[in-house]
Amino acid sequence: MTDSNIIWNHLNRHYDNSHPFIYQNCVNKKLIGSNDISYKIFSAIKDIFCPPIDENYVKNIIKQYLENKKHLYKNGKLSIKSIY
């Protein structure tokens, strides 16, 4: 299993479709911007992955994960529940 798969699986488990960050990223970008969401996710997981893995690599995987969720939502393949 590659580093990117490990990070991706961690993000899938901890930031699933019902997480407020995913809702904000896909549905409502007015409250929190996508860069803020990426930074908050990175801050939460950097202690887990960053000693052995480069920080920029982890940030790139987070960005890809959020873009993938947004793409799936726009194509109707992802159902996201409201946080309110």
PDB file of N, CA and C in Angstrom:
ATOM      1  N   MET A   1       0.845  -1.172   0.000  1.00  0.00           N
ATOM      2  CA  MET A   1       0.000   0.000   0.000  1.00  0.00           C
ATOM      3  C   MET A   1       0.898   1.246   0.000  1.00  0.00           C
ATOM      4  N   THR A   2       0.612   2.167  -0.884  1.00  0.00           N
ATOM      5  CA  THR A   2       1.433   3.360  -1.005  1.00  0.00           C
ATOM      6  C   THR A   2       1.031   4.400   0.039  1.00  0.00           C
ATOM      7  N   ASP A   3       1.889   5.415   0.176  1.00  0.00           N
ATOM      8  CA  ASP A   3       1.609   6.489   1.131  1.00  0.00           C
ATOM      9  C   ASP A   3       0.311   7.210   0.799  1.00  0.00           C
ATOM     10  N   SER A   4       0.087   7.455  -0.480  1.00  0.00           N
ATOM     11  CA  SER A   4      -1.129   8.171  -0.868  1.00  0.00           C
ATOM     12  C   SER A   4      -2.381   7.360  -0.532  1.00  0.00           C
ATOM     13  N   ASN A   5      -2.327   6.038  -0.699  1.00  0.00           N
ATOM     14  CA  ASN A   5      -3.467   5.188  -0.339  1.00  0.00           C
ATOM     15  C   ASN A   5      -3.738   5.221   1.156  1.00  0.00           C
ATOM     16  N   ILE A   6      -2.693   5.228   1.956  1.00  0.00           N
ATOM     17  CA  ILE A   6      -2.851   5.272   3.402  1.00  0.00           C
ATOM     18  C   ILE A   6      -3.502   6.586   3.826  1.00  0.00           C
ATOM     19  N   ILE A   7      -3.031   7.698   3.266  1.00  0.00           N
ATOM     20  CA  ILE A   7      -3.609   9.005   3.597  1.00  0.00           C
ATOM     21  C   ILE A   7      -5.046   9.082   3.108  1.00  0.00           C
ATOM     22  N   TRP A   8      -5.292   8.619   1.900  1.00  0.00           N
ATOM     23  CA  TRP A   8      -6.640   8.647   1.321  1.00  0.00           C
ATOM     24  C   TRP A   8      -7.612   7.833   2.177  1.00  0.00           C
ATOM     25  N   ASN A   9      -7.199   6.646   2.622  1.00  0.00           N
ATOM     26  CA  ASN A   9      -8.052   5.819   3.473  1.00  0.00           C
ATOM     27  C   ASN A   9      -8.322   6.485   4.819  1.00  0.00           C
ATOM     28  N   HIS A  10      -7.319   7.151   5.358  1.00  0.00           N
ATOM     29  CA  HIS A  10      -7.512   7.885   6.613  1.00  0.00           C
ATOM     30  C   HIS A  10      -8.527   9.009   6.424  1.00  0.00           C
ATOM     31  N   LEU A  11      -8.418   9.742   5.322  1.00  0.00           N
ATOM     32  CA  LEU A  11      -9.363  10.823   5.047  1.00  0.00           C
ATOM     33  C   LEU A  11     -10.775  10.278   4.843  1.00  0.00           C
ATOM     34  N   ASN A  12     -10.901   9.167   4.141  1.00  0.00           N
ATOM     35  CA  ASN A  12     -12.221   8.549   3.943  1.00  0.00           C
ATOM     36  C   ASN A  12     -12.860   8.144   5.262  1.00  0.00           C
ATOM     37  N   ARG A  13     -12.062   7.661   6.175  1.00  0.00           N
ATOM     38  CA  ARG A  13     -12.598   7.197   7.451  1.00  0.00           C
ATOM     39  C   ARG A  13     -12.973   8.366   8.360  1.00  0.00           C
ATOM     40  N   HIS A  14     -12.147   9.387   8.429  1.00  0.00           N
ATOM     41  CA  HIS A  14     -12.362  10.477   9.382  1.00  0.00           C
ATOM     42  C   HIS A  14     -13.135  11.659   8.805  1.00  0.00           C
ATOM     43  N   TYR A  15     -13.150  11.800   7.505  1.00  0.00           N
ATOM     44  CA  TYR A  15     -13.864  12.915   6.859  1.00  0.00           C
ATOM     45  C   TYR A  15     -14.817  12.344   5.812  1.00  0.00           C
ATOM     46  N   ASP A  16     -15.810  11.621   6.285  1.00  0.00           N
ATOM     47  CA  ASP A  16     -16.776  11.005   5.383  1.00  0.00           C
ATOM     48  C   ASP A  16     -17.794  12.041   4.903  1.00  0.00           C
ATOM     49  N   ASN A  17     -18.802  11.592   4.183  1.00  0.00           N
ATOM     50  CA  ASN A  17     -19.763  12.510   3.559  1.00  0.00           C
ATOM     51  C   ASN A  17     -20.599  13.289   4.564  1.00  0.00           C
ATOM     52  N   SER A  18     -20.688  12.823   5.784  1.00  0.00           N
ATOM     53  CA  SER A  18     -21.488  13.525   6.783  1.00  0.00           C
ATOM     54  C   SER A  18     -20.679  14.550   7.576  1.00  0.00           C
ATOM     55  N   HIS A  19     -19.395  14.667   7.296  1.00  0.00           N
ATOM     56  CA  HIS A  19     -18.557  15.614   8.028  1.00  0.00           C
ATOM     57  C   HIS A  19     -18.841  17.040   7.559  1.00  0.00           C
ATOM     58  N   PRO A  20     -18.883  18.011   8.492  1.00  0.00           N
ATOM     59  CA  PRO A  20     -19.161  19.407   8.114  1.00  0.00           C
ATOM     60  C   PRO A  20     -18.170  19.993   7.111  1.00  0.00           C
ATOM     61  N   PHE A  21     -16.913  19.587   7.154  1.00  0.00           N
ATOM     62  CA  PHE A  21     -15.932  20.104   6.189  1.00  0.00           C
ATOM     63  C   PHE A  21     -16.285  19.686   4.763  1.00  0.00           C
ATOM     64  N   ILE A  22     -16.761  18.463   4.589  1.00  0.00           N
ATOM     65  CA  ILE A  22     -17.131  17.991   3.258  1.00  0.00           C
ATOM     66  C   ILE A  22     -18.356  18.757   2.767  1.00  0.00           C
ATOM     67  N   TYR A  23     -19.311  18.980   3.660  1.00  0.00           N
ATOM     68  CA  TYR A  23     -20.495  19.771   3.297  1.00  0.00           C
ATOM     69  C   TYR A  23     -20.089  21.179   2.871  1.00  0.00           C
ATOM     70  N   GLN A  24     -19.234  21.823   3.650  1.00  0.00           N
ATOM     71  CA  GLN A  24     -18.802  23.178   3.326  1.00  0.00           C
ATOM     72  C   GLN A  24     -18.032  23.223   2.014  1.00  0.00           C
ATOM     73  N   ASN A  25     -17.223  22.222   1.764  1.00  0.00           N
ATOM     74  CA  ASN A  25     -16.431  22.189   0.542  1.00  0.00           C
ATOM     75  C   ASN A  25     -17.305  21.994  -0.700  1.00  0.00           C
ATOM     76  N   CYS A  26     -18.317  21.129  -0.606  1.00  0.00           N
ATOM     77  CA  CYS A  26     -19.110  20.777  -1.779  1.00  0.00           C
ATOM     78  C   CYS A  26     -20.326  21.665  -1.977  1.00  0.00           C
ATOM     79  N   VAL A  27     -21.000  22.043  -0.903  1.00  0.00           N
ATOM     80  CA  VAL A  27     -22.283  22.708  -1.019  1.00  0.00           C
ATOM     81  C   VAL A  27     -22.187  24.211  -0.778  1.00  0.00           C
ATOM     82  N   ASN A  28     -21.595  24.604   0.319  1.00  0.00           N
ATOM     83  CA  ASN A  28     -21.623  26.006   0.714  1.00  0.00           C
ATOM     84  C   ASN A  28     -20.214  26.500   1.004  1.00  0.00           C
ATOM     85  N   LYS A  29     -19.637  27.231   0.067  1.00  0.00           N
ATOM     86  CA  LYS A  29     -18.277  27.720   0.230  1.00  0.00           C
ATOM     87  C   LYS A  29     -18.237  29.116   0.853  1.00  0.00           C
ATOM     88  N   LYS A  30     -19.381  29.659   1.232  1.00  0.00           N
ATOM     89  CA  LYS A  30     -19.402  31.026   1.753  1.00  0.00           C
ATOM     90  C   LYS A  30     -18.845  31.113   3.163  1.00  0.00           C
ATOM     91  N   LEU A  31     -19.099  30.112   3.990  1.00  0.00           N
ATOM     92  CA  LEU A  31     -18.681  30.183   5.386  1.00  0.00           C
ATOM     93  C   LEU A  31     -17.190  29.909   5.557  1.00  0.00           C
ATOM     94  N   ILE A  32     -16.699  28.878   4.921  1.00  0.00           N
ATOM     95  CA  ILE A  32     -15.289  28.501   5.024  1.00  0.00           C
ATOM     96  C   ILE A  32     -14.777  28.219   3.617  1.00  0.00           C
ATOM     97  N   GLY A  33     -13.664  28.813   3.241  1.00  0.00           N
ATOM     98  CA  GLY A  33     -13.086  28.571   1.923  1.00  0.00           C
ATOM     99  C   GLY A  33     -12.396  27.220   1.861  1.00  0.00           C
ATOM    100  N   SER A  34     -12.156  26.739   0.659  1.00  0.00           N
ATOM    101  CA  SER A  34     -11.538  25.421   0.491  1.00  0.00           C
ATOM    102  C   SER A  34     -10.103  25.397   1.013  1.00  0.00           C
ATOM    103  N   ASN A  35      -9.394  26.530   0.935  1.00  0.00           N
ATOM    104  CA  ASN A  35      -8.043  26.573   1.495  1.00  0.00           C
ATOM    105  C   ASN A  35      -8.072  26.458   3.008  1.00  0.00           C
ATOM    106  N   ASP A  36      -9.057  27.084   3.649  1.00  0.00           N
ATOM    107  CA  ASP A  36      -9.203  26.971   5.096  1.00  0.00           C
ATOM    108  C   ASP A  36      -9.526  25.541   5.496  1.00  0.00           C
ATOM    109  N   ILE A  37     -10.372  24.895   4.722  1.00  0.00           N
ATOM    110  CA  ILE A  37     -10.731  23.505   5.012  1.00  0.00           C
ATOM    111  C   ILE A  37      -9.501  22.617   4.875  1.00  0.00           C
ATOM    112  N   SER A  38      -8.735  22.804   3.816  1.00  0.00           N
ATOM    113  CA  SER A  38      -7.514  22.011   3.620  1.00  0.00           C
ATOM    114  C   SER A  38      -6.547  22.216   4.778  1.00  0.00           C
ATOM    115  N   TYR A  39      -6.396  23.462   5.206  1.00  0.00           N
ATOM    116  CA  TYR A  39      -5.474  23.768   6.306  1.00  0.00           C
ATOM    117  C   TYR A  39      -5.943  23.122   7.608  1.00  0.00           C
ATOM    118  N   LYS A  40      -7.251  23.169   7.881  1.00  0.00           N
ATOM    119  CA  LYS A  40      -7.768  22.575   9.119  1.00  0.00           C
ATOM    120  C   LYS A  40      -7.612  21.058   9.121  1.00  0.00           C
ATOM    121  N   ILE A  41      -7.850  20.435   7.989  1.00  0.00           N
ATOM    122  CA  ILE A  41      -7.649  18.986   7.898  1.00  0.00           C
ATOM    123  C   ILE A  41      -6.171  18.654   8.058  1.00  0.00           C
ATOM    124  N   PHE A  42      -5.311  19.430   7.400  1.00  0.00           N
ATOM    125  CA  PHE A  42      -3.872  19.189   7.509  1.00  0.00           C
ATOM    126  C   PHE A  42      -3.397  19.361   8.950  1.00  0.00           C
ATOM    127  N   SER A  43      -3.885  20.375   9.627  1.00  0.00           N
ATOM    128  CA  SER A  43      -3.494  20.598  11.023  1.00  0.00           C
ATOM    129  C   SER A  43      -3.887  19.417  11.907  1.00  0.00           C
ATOM    130  N   ALA A  44      -5.015  18.805  11.593  1.00  0.00           N
ATOM    131  CA  ALA A  44      -5.486  17.683  12.402  1.00  0.00           C
ATOM    132  C   ALA A  44      -4.686  16.403  12.162  1.00  0.00           C
ATOM    133  N   ILE A  45      -4.170  16.217  10.941  1.00  0.00           N
ATOM    134  CA  ILE A  45      -3.507  14.940  10.634  1.00  0.00           C
ATOM    135  C   ILE A  45      -1.995  15.053  10.455  1.00  0.00           C
ATOM    136  N   LYS A  46      -1.433  16.247  10.559  1.00  0.00           N
ATOM    137  CA  LYS A  46       0.003  16.377  10.280  1.00  0.00           C
ATOM    138  C   LYS A  46       0.868  15.625  11.282  1.00  0.00           C
ATOM    139  N   ASP A  47       0.443  15.516  12.530  1.00  0.00           N
ATOM    140  CA  ASP A  47       1.237  14.784  13.513  1.00  0.00           C
ATOM    141  C   ASP A  47       1.250  13.280  13.246  1.00  0.00           C
ATOM    142  N   ILE A  48       0.272  12.810  12.511  1.00  0.00           N
ATOM    143  CA  ILE A  48       0.212  11.386  12.194  1.00  0.00           C
ATOM    144  C   ILE A  48       1.142  11.042  11.034  1.00  0.00           C
ATOM    145  N   PHE A  49       1.130  11.877   9.993  1.00  0.00           N
ATOM    146  CA  PHE A  49       1.814  11.514   8.746  1.00  0.00           C
ATOM    147  C   PHE A  49       3.113  12.259   8.472  1.00  0.00           C
ATOM    148  N   CYS A  50       3.291  13.438   9.025  1.00  0.00           N
ATOM    149  CA  CYS A  50       4.394  14.274   8.561  1.00  0.00           C
ATOM    150  C   CYS A  50       5.797  13.928   9.046  1.00  0.00           C
ATOM    151  N   PRO A  51       6.016  13.276  10.132  1.00  0.00           N
ATOM    152  CA  PRO A  51       7.418  12.906  10.352  1.00  0.00           C
ATOM    153  C   PRO A  51       7.998  12.033   9.239  1.00  0.00           C
ATOM    154  N   PRO A  52       7.305  10.990   8.767  1.00  0.00           N
ATOM    155  CA  PRO A  52       7.915  10.221   7.683  1.00  0.00           C
ATOM    156  C   PRO A  52       7.581  10.718   6.273  1.00  0.00           C
ATOM    157  N   ILE A  53       6.483  11.479   6.118  1.00  0.00           N
ATOM    158  CA  ILE A  53       6.034  11.909   4.794  1.00  0.00           C
ATOM    159  C   ILE A  53       6.133  13.433   4.704  1.00  0.00           C
ATOM    160  N   ASP A  54       6.510  13.930   3.535  1.00  0.00           N
ATOM    161  CA  ASP A  54       6.659  15.360   3.300  1.00  0.00           C
ATOM    162  C   ASP A  54       5.323  16.094   3.459  1.00  0.00           C
ATOM    163  N   GLU A  55       5.359  17.274   4.095  1.00  0.00           N
ATOM    164  CA  GLU A  55       4.141  18.049   4.343  1.00  0.00           C
ATOM    165  C   GLU A  55       3.439  18.446   3.044  1.00  0.00           C
ATOM    166  N   ASN A  56       4.187  18.847   2.037  1.00  0.00           N
ATOM    167  CA  ASN A  56       3.575  19.254   0.769  1.00  0.00           C
ATOM    168  C   ASN A  56       2.867  18.086   0.089  1.00  0.00           C
ATOM    169  N   TYR A  57       3.410  16.896   0.233  1.00  0.00           N
ATOM    170  CA  TYR A  57       2.774  15.706  -0.331  1.00  0.00           C
ATOM    171  C   TYR A  57       1.430  15.449   0.345  1.00  0.00           C
ATOM    172  N   VAL A  58       1.385  15.578   1.671  1.00  0.00           N
ATOM    173  CA  VAL A  58       0.143  15.370   2.418  1.00  0.00           C
ATOM    174  C   VAL A  58      -0.881  16.441   2.035  1.00  0.00           C
ATOM    175  N   LYS A  59      -0.443  17.688   1.913  1.00  0.00           N
ATOM    176  CA  LYS A  59      -1.350  18.775   1.513  1.00  0.00           C
ATOM    177  C   LYS A  59      -1.923  18.529   0.126  1.00  0.00           C
ATOM    178  N   ASN A  60      -1.105  18.016  -0.766  1.00  0.00           N
ATOM    179  CA  ASN A  60      -1.553  17.719  -2.124  1.00  0.00           C
ATOM    180  C   ASN A  60      -2.612  16.608  -2.122  1.00  0.00           C
ATOM    181  N   ILE A  61      -2.415  15.587  -1.314  1.00  0.00           N
ATOM    182  CA  ILE A  61      -3.394  14.496  -1.218  1.00  0.00           C
ATOM    183  C   ILE A  61      -4.712  15.017  -0.651  1.00  0.00           C
ATOM    184  N   ILE A  62      -4.647  15.893   0.348  1.00  0.00           N
ATOM    185  CA  ILE A  62      -5.866  16.476   0.924  1.00  0.00           C
ATOM    186  C   ILE A  62      -6.605  17.285  -0.128  1.00  0.00           C
ATOM    187  N   LYS A  63      -5.873  18.070  -0.904  1.00  0.00           N
ATOM    188  CA  LYS A  63      -6.486  18.878  -1.962  1.00  0.00           C
ATOM    189  C   LYS A  63      -7.161  17.980  -3.004  1.00  0.00           C
ATOM    190  N   GLN A  64      -6.503  16.909  -3.397  1.00  0.00           N
ATOM    191  CA  GLN A  64      -7.083  15.961  -4.348  1.00  0.00           C
ATOM    192  C   GLN A  64      -8.336  15.307  -3.781  1.00  0.00           C
ATOM    193  N   TYR A  65      -8.302  14.972  -2.500  1.00  0.00           N
ATOM    194  CA  TYR A  65      -9.452  14.346  -1.851  1.00  0.00           C
ATOM    195  C   TYR A  65     -10.659  15.284  -1.868  1.00  0.00           C
ATOM    196  N   LEU A  66     -10.445  16.545  -1.519  1.00  0.00           N
ATOM    197  CA  LEU A  66     -11.544  17.514  -1.509  1.00  0.00           C
ATOM    198  C   LEU A  66     -12.068  17.785  -2.919  1.00  0.00           C
ATOM    199  N   GLU A  67     -11.177  17.875  -3.895  1.00  0.00           N
ATOM    200  CA  GLU A  67     -11.600  18.079  -5.280  1.00  0.00           C
ATOM    201  C   GLU A  67     -12.388  16.873  -5.792  1.00  0.00           C
ATOM    202  N   ASN A  68     -11.978  15.674  -5.401  1.00  0.00           N
ATOM    203  CA  ASN A  68     -12.697  14.465  -5.804  1.00  0.00           C
ATOM    204  C   ASN A  68     -14.101  14.456  -5.211  1.00  0.00           C
ATOM    205  N   LYS A  69     -14.234  14.810  -3.943  1.00  0.00           N
ATOM    206  CA  LYS A  69     -15.551  14.860  -3.308  1.00  0.00           C
ATOM    207  C   LYS A  69     -16.445  15.881  -4.012  1.00  0.00           C
ATOM    208  N   LYS A  70     -15.891  17.036  -4.346  1.00  0.00           N
ATOM    209  CA  LYS A  70     -16.661  18.074  -5.026  1.00  0.00           C
ATOM    210  C   LYS A  70     -17.093  17.613  -6.411  1.00  0.00           C
ATOM    211  N   HIS A  71     -16.198  16.948  -7.124  1.00  0.00           N
ATOM    212  CA  HIS A  71     -16.504  16.436  -8.458  1.00  0.00           C
ATOM    213  C   HIS A  71     -17.613  15.384  -8.395  1.00  0.00           C
ATOM    214  N   LEU A  72     -17.524  14.472  -7.433  1.00  0.00           N
ATOM    215  CA  LEU A  72     -18.557  13.451  -7.282  1.00  0.00           C
ATOM    216  C   LEU A  72     -19.903  14.077  -6.920  1.00  0.00           C
ATOM    217  N   TYR A  73     -19.876  15.105  -6.085  1.00  0.00           N
ATOM    218  CA  TYR A  73     -21.113  15.779  -5.698  1.00  0.00           C
ATOM    219  C   TYR A  73     -21.754  16.485  -6.897  1.00  0.00           C
ATOM    220  N   LYS A  74     -20.950  17.170  -7.693  1.00  0.00           N
ATOM    221  CA  LYS A  74     -21.487  17.886  -8.856  1.00  0.00           C
ATOM    222  C   LYS A  74     -22.043  16.936  -9.904  1.00  0.00           C
ATOM    223  N   ASN A  75     -21.509  15.728  -9.996  1.00  0.00           N
ATOM    224  CA  ASN A  75     -22.002  14.735 -10.957  1.00  0.00           C
ATOM    225  C   ASN A  75     -23.162  13.914 -10.412  1.00  0.00           C
ATOM    226  N   GLY A  76     -23.571  14.180  -9.168  1.00  0.00           N
ATOM    227  CA  GLY A  76     -24.701  13.479  -8.586  1.00  0.00           C
ATOM    228  C   GLY A  76     -24.388  12.096  -8.051  1.00  0.00           C
ATOM    229  N   LYS A  77     -23.125  11.764  -7.919  1.00  0.00           N
ATOM    230  CA  LYS A  77     -22.734  10.440  -7.432  1.00  0.00           C
ATOM    231  C   LYS A  77     -22.502  10.410  -5.921  1.00  0.00           C
ATOM    232  N   LEU A  78     -22.659  11.569  -5.286  1.00  0.00           N
ATOM    233  CA  LEU A  78     -22.378  11.687  -3.868  1.00  0.00           C
ATOM    234  C   LEU A  78     -23.530  12.407  -3.180  1.00  0.00           C
ATOM    235  N   SER A  79     -24.051  11.811  -2.144  1.00  0.00           N
ATOM    236  CA  SER A  79     -25.136  12.414  -1.386  1.00  0.00           C
ATOM    237  C   SER A  79     -24.567  12.982  -0.097  1.00  0.00           C
ATOM    238  N   ILE A  80     -24.735  14.282   0.095  1.00  0.00           N
ATOM    239  CA  ILE A  80     -24.204  14.950   1.276  1.00  0.00           C
ATOM    240  C   ILE A  80     -25.352  15.506   2.079  1.00  0.00           C
ATOM    241  N   LYS A  81     -25.366  15.188   3.369  1.00  0.00           N
ATOM    242  CA  LYS A  81     -26.407  15.663   4.257  1.00  0.00           C
ATOM    243  C   LYS A  81     -26.035  17.040   4.800  1.00  0.00           C
ATOM    244  N   SER A  82     -27.044  17.855   5.037  1.00  0.00           N
ATOM    245  CA  SER A  82     -26.841  19.168   5.613  1.00  0.00           C
ATOM    246  C   SER A  82     -26.336  19.049   7.043  1.00  0.00           C
ATOM    247  N   ILE A  83     -25.496  19.986   7.437  1.00  0.00           N
ATOM    248  CA  ILE A  83     -24.984  19.969   8.799  1.00  0.00           C
ATOM    249  C   ILE A  83     -25.941  20.629   9.769  1.00  0.00           C
ATOM    250  N   TYR A  84     -26.999  21.231   9.252  1.00  0.00           N
ATOM    251  CA  TYR A  84     -27.954  21.920  10.124  1.00  0.00           C
ATOM    252  C   TYR A  84     -29.255  21.175  10.190  1.00  0.00           C
TER     253      TYR A  84
END
